[in-house]
Amino acid sequence: GGEGIINAFVSPANVNDLIERNWKLRYDDIPMELDVVSIDIDGMDFYVWAALKARPKVVIIEYNSLLPFSVDRVIPPALVSEPGSKNFGASMQSLLQLGRSIGYSLVHAEQRGVNLFFVRDDLVRLLPPLLPINNLSALAAGVKFRPCFPADSLKDDWISSSEAIVATETLSKGEDVAGAGAG
């Protein structure tokens, strides 16, 4: 196999190409089967996962625990901010909806309020039977949420997961979606 790794900025437009090229560099002609994909890119996480064609067994993805767990909110692509801003990423609910729409179940929310763990639906039967799979209330119970948004601020600057999935189609083509969903 080839040596090296490709270092690049990951976006919905290039995530699939980068994964395929990295796989070929390391494993040549072995068919691609990913065990784990971890997405932590401070802002475009939802969009990168929505654009991902590979079907890893496990997806670990950063979410925004500043948002209440039960609201369906994703930052519009045009409003993705600098690292350190509270305006980033997506809520637990929106990522659960994305995961369910592409065949993944939410199995764990780590307690610091940073990452969610999803397992591909065909593998869920292998997990312990008492896990609160896809149960937001139970999974969020141990998370240290840091809500800091007034209720009315969640109406204007954020979009729903279904709107974000539509925006991903444009982003995956490398097209600009400036202002999409905002306002």
C-alpha atoms as a PDB file:
ATOM      1  CA  GLY A   1       0.000   0.000   0.000  1.00  0.00           C
ATOM      2  CA  GLY A   2       0.891   3.619  -0.386  1.00  0.00           C
ATOM      3  CA  GLU A   3       2.215   5.765   2.407  1.00  0.00           C
ATOM      4  CA  GLY A   4       1.100   9.164   3.610  1.00  0.00           C
ATOM      5  CA  ILE A   5      -2.059  10.975   4.368  1.00  0.00           C
ATOM      6  CA  ILE A   6      -3.787  13.898   2.707  1.00  0.00           C
ATOM      7  CA  ASN A   7      -4.013  17.028   4.830  1.00  0.00           C
ATOM      8  CA  ALA A   8      -6.863  19.277   3.708  1.00  0.00           C
ATOM      9  CA  PHE A   9      -9.729  21.466   4.867  1.00  0.00           C
ATOM     10  CA  VAL A  10     -12.798  19.186   4.959  1.00  0.00           C
ATOM     11  CA  SER A  11     -16.071  20.426   3.500  1.00  0.00           C
ATOM     12  CA  PRO A  12     -19.279  18.868   2.192  1.00  0.00           C
ATOM     13  CA  ALA A  13     -17.883  19.392  -1.322  1.00  0.00           C
ATOM     14  CA  ASN A  14     -14.693  17.377  -0.770  1.00  0.00           C
ATOM     15  CA  VAL A  15     -15.309  14.950   2.117  1.00  0.00           C
ATOM     16  CA  ASN A  16     -16.036  11.954  -0.105  1.00  0.00           C
ATOM     17  CA  ASP A  17     -13.064  12.562  -2.399  1.00  0.00           C
ATOM     18  CA  LEU A  18     -10.714  13.033   0.576  1.00  0.00           C
ATOM     19  CA  ILE A  19     -11.855   9.819   2.257  1.00  0.00           C
ATOM     20  CA  GLU A  20     -11.535   7.815  -0.972  1.00  0.00           C
ATOM     21  CA  ARG A  21      -8.088   9.250  -1.778  1.00  0.00           C
ATOM     22  CA  ASN A  22      -6.804   8.658   1.762  1.00  0.00           C
ATOM     23  CA  TRP A  23      -8.135   5.094   1.691  1.00  0.00           C
ATOM     24  CA  LYS A  24      -6.407   4.374  -1.624  1.00  0.00           C
ATOM     25  CA  LEU A  25      -3.116   5.833  -0.368  1.00  0.00           C
ATOM     26  CA  ARG A  26      -3.146   3.475   2.595  1.00  0.00           C
ATOM     27  CA  TYR A  27      -4.956   0.366   1.384  1.00  0.00           C
ATOM     28  CA  ASP A  28      -4.701   0.368  -2.416  1.00  0.00           C
ATOM     29  CA  ASP A  29      -7.370  -1.904  -3.883  1.00  0.00           C
ATOM     30  CA  ILE A  30      -8.924  -3.213  -0.645  1.00  0.00           C
ATOM     31  CA  PRO A  31     -12.633  -2.312  -0.766  1.00  0.00           C
ATOM     32  CA  MET A  32     -13.384   0.630   1.487  1.00  0.00           C
ATOM     33  CA  GLU A  33     -15.155  -0.218   4.725  1.00  0.00           C
ATOM     34  CA  LEU A  34     -14.846   2.347   7.487  1.00  0.00           C
ATOM     35  CA  ASP A  35     -15.272   1.352  11.113  1.00  0.00           C
ATOM     36  CA  VAL A  36     -15.359   4.809  12.729  1.00  0.00           C
ATOM     37  CA  VAL A  37     -15.661   8.340  11.405  1.00  0.00           C
ATOM     38  CA  SER A  38     -15.212  11.194  13.853  1.00  0.00           C
ATOM     39  CA  ILE A  39     -16.454  14.602  12.730  1.00  0.00           C
ATOM     40  CA  ASP A  40     -15.284  17.560  14.827  1.00  0.00           C
ATOM     41  CA  ILE A  41     -14.748  20.583  12.617  1.00  0.00           C
ATOM     42  CA  ASP A  42     -16.405  23.397  14.582  1.00  0.00           C
ATOM     43  CA  GLY A  43     -19.305  24.422  12.443  1.00  0.00           C
ATOM     44  CA  MET A  44     -19.899  22.356   9.317  1.00  0.00           C
ATOM     45  CA  ASP A  45     -20.197  19.004  11.129  1.00  0.00           C
ATOM     46  CA  PHE A  46     -23.869  18.447  10.225  1.00  0.00           C
ATOM     47  CA  TYR A  47     -23.264  19.279   6.560  1.00  0.00           C
ATOM     48  CA  VAL A  48     -20.189  17.059   6.248  1.00  0.00           C
ATOM     49  CA  TRP A  49     -22.040  14.076   7.741  1.00  0.00           C
ATOM     50  CA  ALA A  50     -25.075  14.714   5.535  1.00  0.00           C
ATOM     51  CA  ALA A  51     -22.785  14.761   2.462  1.00  0.00           C
ATOM     52  CA  LEU A  52     -20.856  11.620   3.481  1.00  0.00           C
ATOM     53  CA  LYS A  53     -21.429   8.712   1.081  1.00  0.00           C
ATOM     54  CA  ALA A  54     -19.440   6.154   3.107  1.00  0.00           C
ATOM     55  CA  ARG A  55     -21.410   4.159   5.686  1.00  0.00           C
ATOM     56  CA  PRO A  56     -19.070   3.711   8.671  1.00  0.00           C
ATOM     57  CA  LYS A  57     -20.148   1.411  11.483  1.00  0.00           C
ATOM     58  CA  VAL A  58     -19.876   4.235  14.026  1.00  0.00           C
ATOM     59  CA  VAL A  59     -20.091   8.017  13.652  1.00  0.00           C
ATOM     60  CA  ILE A  60     -18.869  10.301  16.431  1.00  0.00           C
ATOM     61  CA  ILE A  61     -19.940  13.880  15.846  1.00  0.00           C
ATOM     62  CA  GLU A  62     -19.578  17.133  17.735  1.00  0.00           C
ATOM     63  CA  TYR A  63     -22.787  18.932  18.648  1.00  0.00           C
ATOM     64  CA  ASN A  64     -23.680  22.227  20.256  1.00  0.00           C
ATOM     65  CA  SER A  65     -24.755  21.631  23.866  1.00  0.00           C
ATOM     66  CA  LEU A  66     -25.439  25.327  24.258  1.00  0.00           C
ATOM     67  CA  LEU A  67     -28.671  24.559  22.411  1.00  0.00           C
ATOM     68  CA  PRO A  68     -31.481  22.811  24.293  1.00  0.00           C
ATOM     69  CA  PHE A  69     -31.361  19.122  23.374  1.00  0.00           C
ATOM     70  CA  SER A  70     -34.960  18.984  22.149  1.00  0.00           C
ATOM     71  CA  VAL A  71     -34.855  21.804  19.572  1.00  0.00           C
ATOM     72  CA  ASP A  72     -34.170  21.109  15.897  1.00  0.00           C
ATOM     73  CA  ARG A  73     -31.534  23.708  15.035  1.00  0.00           C
ATOM     74  CA  VAL A  74     -28.531  23.834  12.694  1.00  0.00           C
ATOM     75  CA  ILE A  75     -26.388  26.881  12.022  1.00  0.00           C
ATOM     76  CA  PRO A  76     -26.920  28.014   8.408  1.00  0.00           C
ATOM     77  CA  PRO A  77     -23.774  27.591   6.280  1.00  0.00           C
ATOM     78  CA  ALA A  78     -23.506  31.356   5.727  1.00  0.00           C
ATOM     79  CA  LEU A  79     -23.377  31.939   9.497  1.00  0.00           C
ATOM     80  CA  VAL A  80     -20.707  29.406  10.468  1.00  0.00           C
ATOM     81  CA  SER A  81     -18.493  31.425  12.799  1.00  0.00           C
ATOM     82  CA  GLU A  82     -14.972  31.587  14.043  1.00  0.00           C
ATOM     83  CA  PRO A  83     -13.970  28.931  16.598  1.00  0.00           C
ATOM     84  CA  GLY A  84     -15.076  29.946  20.079  1.00  0.00           C
ATOM     85  CA  SER A  85     -18.436  31.339  18.994  1.00  0.00           C
ATOM     86  CA  LYS A  86     -21.651  29.931  20.446  1.00  0.00           C
ATOM     87  CA  ASN A  87     -23.085  29.968  16.913  1.00  0.00           C
ATOM     88  CA  PHE A  88     -21.811  26.654  15.638  1.00  0.00           C
ATOM     89  CA  GLY A  89     -22.918  23.200  14.714  1.00  0.00           C
ATOM     90  CA  ALA A  90     -26.212  21.576  15.457  1.00  0.00           C
ATOM     91  CA  SER A  91     -28.425  20.471  18.321  1.00  0.00           C
ATOM     92  CA  MET A  92     -28.846  16.894  19.536  1.00  0.00           C
ATOM     93  CA  GLN A  93     -32.334  16.769  18.010  1.00  0.00           C
ATOM     94  CA  SER A  94     -31.169  17.862  14.567  1.00  0.00           C
ATOM     95  CA  LEU A  95     -28.332  15.324  14.521  1.00  0.00           C
ATOM     96  CA  LEU A  96     -30.708  12.591  15.700  1.00  0.00           C
ATOM     97  CA  GLN A  97     -33.032  13.466  12.815  1.00  0.00           C
ATOM     98  CA  LEU A  98     -30.149  13.411  10.331  1.00  0.00           C
ATOM     99  CA  GLY A  99     -28.884  10.103  11.699  1.00  0.00           C
ATOM    100  CA  ARG A 100     -32.314   8.472  11.540  1.00  0.00           C
ATOM    101  CA  SER A 101     -32.801   9.722   7.962  1.00  0.00           C
ATOM    102  CA  ILE A 102     -29.608   7.978   6.807  1.00  0.00           C
ATOM    103  CA  GLY A 103     -29.850   4.769   8.827  1.00  0.00           C
ATOM    104  CA  TYR A 104     -28.078   5.523  12.120  1.00  0.00           C
ATOM    105  CA  SER A 105     -29.195   5.302  15.743  1.00  0.00           C
ATOM    106  CA  LEU A 106     -28.047   7.593  18.538  1.00  0.00           C
ATOM    107  CA  VAL A 107     -26.605   5.408  21.294  1.00  0.00           C
ATOM    108  CA  HIS A 108     -24.646   7.783  23.536  1.00  0.00           C
ATOM    109  CA  ALA A 109     -24.165  11.451  24.414  1.00  0.00           C
ATOM    110  CA  GLU A 110     -20.931  11.979  26.293  1.00  0.00           C
ATOM    111  CA  GLN A 111     -21.434  13.842  29.539  1.00  0.00           C
ATOM    112  CA  ARG A 112     -19.304  16.895  28.823  1.00  0.00           C
ATOM    113  CA  GLY A 113     -21.740  17.897  26.073  1.00  0.00           C
ATOM    114  CA  VAL A 114     -19.322  17.620  23.158  1.00  0.00           C
ATOM    115  CA  ASN A 115     -19.885  14.413  21.159  1.00  0.00           C
ATOM    116  CA  LEU A 116     -22.732  12.160  20.090  1.00  0.00           C
ATOM    117  CA  PHE A 117     -22.201   8.521  19.162  1.00  0.00           C
ATOM    118  CA  PHE A 118     -24.240   6.898  16.398  1.00  0.00           C
ATOM    119  CA  VAL A 119     -24.244   3.246  15.288  1.00  0.00           C
ATOM    120  CA  ARG A 120     -25.383   2.067  11.887  1.00  0.00           C
ATOM    121  CA  ASP A 121     -28.883   0.589  12.214  1.00  0.00           C
ATOM    122  CA  ASP A 122     -27.907  -2.874  10.951  1.00  0.00           C
ATOM    123  CA  LEU A 123     -25.485  -3.173  13.895  1.00  0.00           C
ATOM    124  CA  VAL A 124     -27.736  -1.903  16.705  1.00  0.00           C
ATOM    125  CA  ARG A 125     -28.906  -5.460  17.461  1.00  0.00           C
ATOM    126  CA  LEU A 126     -25.344  -6.193  18.666  1.00  0.00           C
ATOM    127  CA  LEU A 127     -25.574  -3.581  21.442  1.00  0.00           C
ATOM    128  CA  PRO A 128     -26.704  -4.219  25.024  1.00  0.00           C
ATOM    129  CA  PRO A 129     -30.520  -4.295  25.168  1.00  0.00           C
ATOM    130  CA  LEU A 130     -30.903  -1.673  27.918  1.00  0.00           C
ATOM    131  CA  LEU A 131     -29.305   1.232  26.038  1.00  0.00           C
ATOM    132  CA  PRO A 132     -31.727   4.163  25.594  1.00  0.00           C
ATOM    133  CA  ILE A 133     -31.257   4.132  21.804  1.00  0.00           C
ATOM    134  CA  ASN A 134     -32.670   7.232  20.060  1.00  0.00           C
ATOM    135  CA  ASN A 135     -34.221   8.382  23.357  1.00  0.00           C
ATOM    136  CA  LEU A 136     -33.142  12.031  23.597  1.00  0.00           C
ATOM    137  CA  SER A 137     -34.488  12.607  27.096  1.00  0.00           C
ATOM    138  CA  ALA A 138     -32.655   9.607  28.543  1.00  0.00           C
ATOM    139  CA  LEU A 139     -29.445  10.230  26.598  1.00  0.00           C
ATOM    140  CA  ALA A 140     -29.409  13.934  27.524  1.00  0.00           C
ATOM    141  CA  ALA A 141     -30.099  13.279  31.225  1.00  0.00           C
ATOM    142  CA  GLY A 142     -26.419  13.039  32.172  1.00  0.00           C
ATOM    143  CA  VAL A 143     -25.144  15.767  29.844  1.00  0.00           C
ATOM    144  CA  LYS A 144     -23.914  19.049  31.278  1.00  0.00           C
ATOM    145  CA  PHE A 145     -25.866  21.375  28.983  1.00  0.00           C
ATOM    146  CA  ARG A 146     -24.892  25.002  29.022  1.00  0.00           C
ATOM    147  CA  PRO A 147     -27.967  26.718  27.551  1.00  0.00           C
ATOM    148  CA  CYS A 148     -27.177  30.343  26.854  1.00  0.00           C
ATOM    149  CA  PHE A 149     -29.613  31.269  24.107  1.00  0.00           C
ATOM    150  CA  PRO A 150     -32.711  33.330  24.834  1.00  0.00           C
ATOM    151  CA  ALA A 151     -35.704  31.448  23.380  1.00  0.00           C
ATOM    152  CA  ASP A 152     -36.361  34.061  20.695  1.00  0.00           C
ATOM    153  CA  SER A 153     -32.773  33.924  19.392  1.00  0.00           C
ATOM    154  CA  LEU A 154     -33.366  30.350  18.215  1.00  0.00           C
ATOM    155  CA  LYS A 155     -35.949  31.483  15.669  1.00  0.00           C
ATOM    156  CA  ASP A 156     -33.993  33.671  13.279  1.00  0.00           C
ATOM    157  CA  ASP A 157     -30.370  32.633  12.964  1.00  0.00           C
ATOM    158  CA  TRP A 158     -30.836  28.876  12.903  1.00  0.00           C
ATOM    159  CA  ILE A 159     -32.436  26.498  10.414  1.00  0.00           C
ATOM    160  CA  SER A 160     -34.073  23.095  10.847  1.00  0.00           C
ATOM    161  CA  SER A 161     -32.366  19.807  10.025  1.00  0.00           C
ATOM    162  CA  SER A 162     -34.589  19.364   6.960  1.00  0.00           C
ATOM    163  CA  GLU A 163     -33.524  22.803   5.667  1.00  0.00           C
ATOM    164  CA  ALA A 164     -29.884  21.933   6.398  1.00  0.00           C
ATOM    165  CA  ILE A 165     -30.161  18.664   4.434  1.00  0.00           C
ATOM    166  CA  VAL A 166     -31.423  20.661   1.438  1.00  0.00           C
ATOM    167  CA  ALA A 167     -28.515  23.121   1.843  1.00  0.00           C
ATOM    168  CA  THR A 168     -26.097  20.161   1.924  1.00  0.00           C
ATOM    169  CA  GLU A 169     -27.050  19.228  -1.625  1.00  0.00           C
ATOM    170  CA  THR A 170     -25.831  22.644  -2.787  1.00  0.00           C
ATOM    171  CA  LEU A 171     -22.734  22.568  -0.562  1.00  0.00           C
ATOM    172  CA  SER A 172     -21.805  19.080  -1.819  1.00  0.00           C
ATOM    173  CA  LYS A 173     -21.596  20.488  -5.332  1.00  0.00           C
ATOM    174  CA  GLY A 174     -19.243  23.206  -4.123  1.00  0.00           C
ATOM    175  CA  GLU A 175     -21.843  25.900  -4.693  1.00  0.00           C
ATOM    176  CA  ASP A 176     -22.295  28.903  -2.415  1.00  0.00           C
ATOM    177  CA  VAL A 177     -25.369  28.987  -0.196  1.00  0.00           C
ATOM    178  CA  ALA A 178     -24.716  32.419   1.284  1.00  0.00           C
ATOM    179  CA  GLY A 179     -27.712  33.494   3.280  1.00  0.00           C
ATOM    180  CA  ALA A 180     -29.489  30.155   2.877  1.00  0.00           C
ATOM    181  CA  GLY A 181     -32.114  29.801   5.543  1.00  0.00           C
ATOM    182  CA  ALA A 182     -31.083  32.887   7.469  1.00  0.00           C
ATOM    183  CA  GLY A 183     -33.523  35.538   8.454  1.00  0.00           C
END
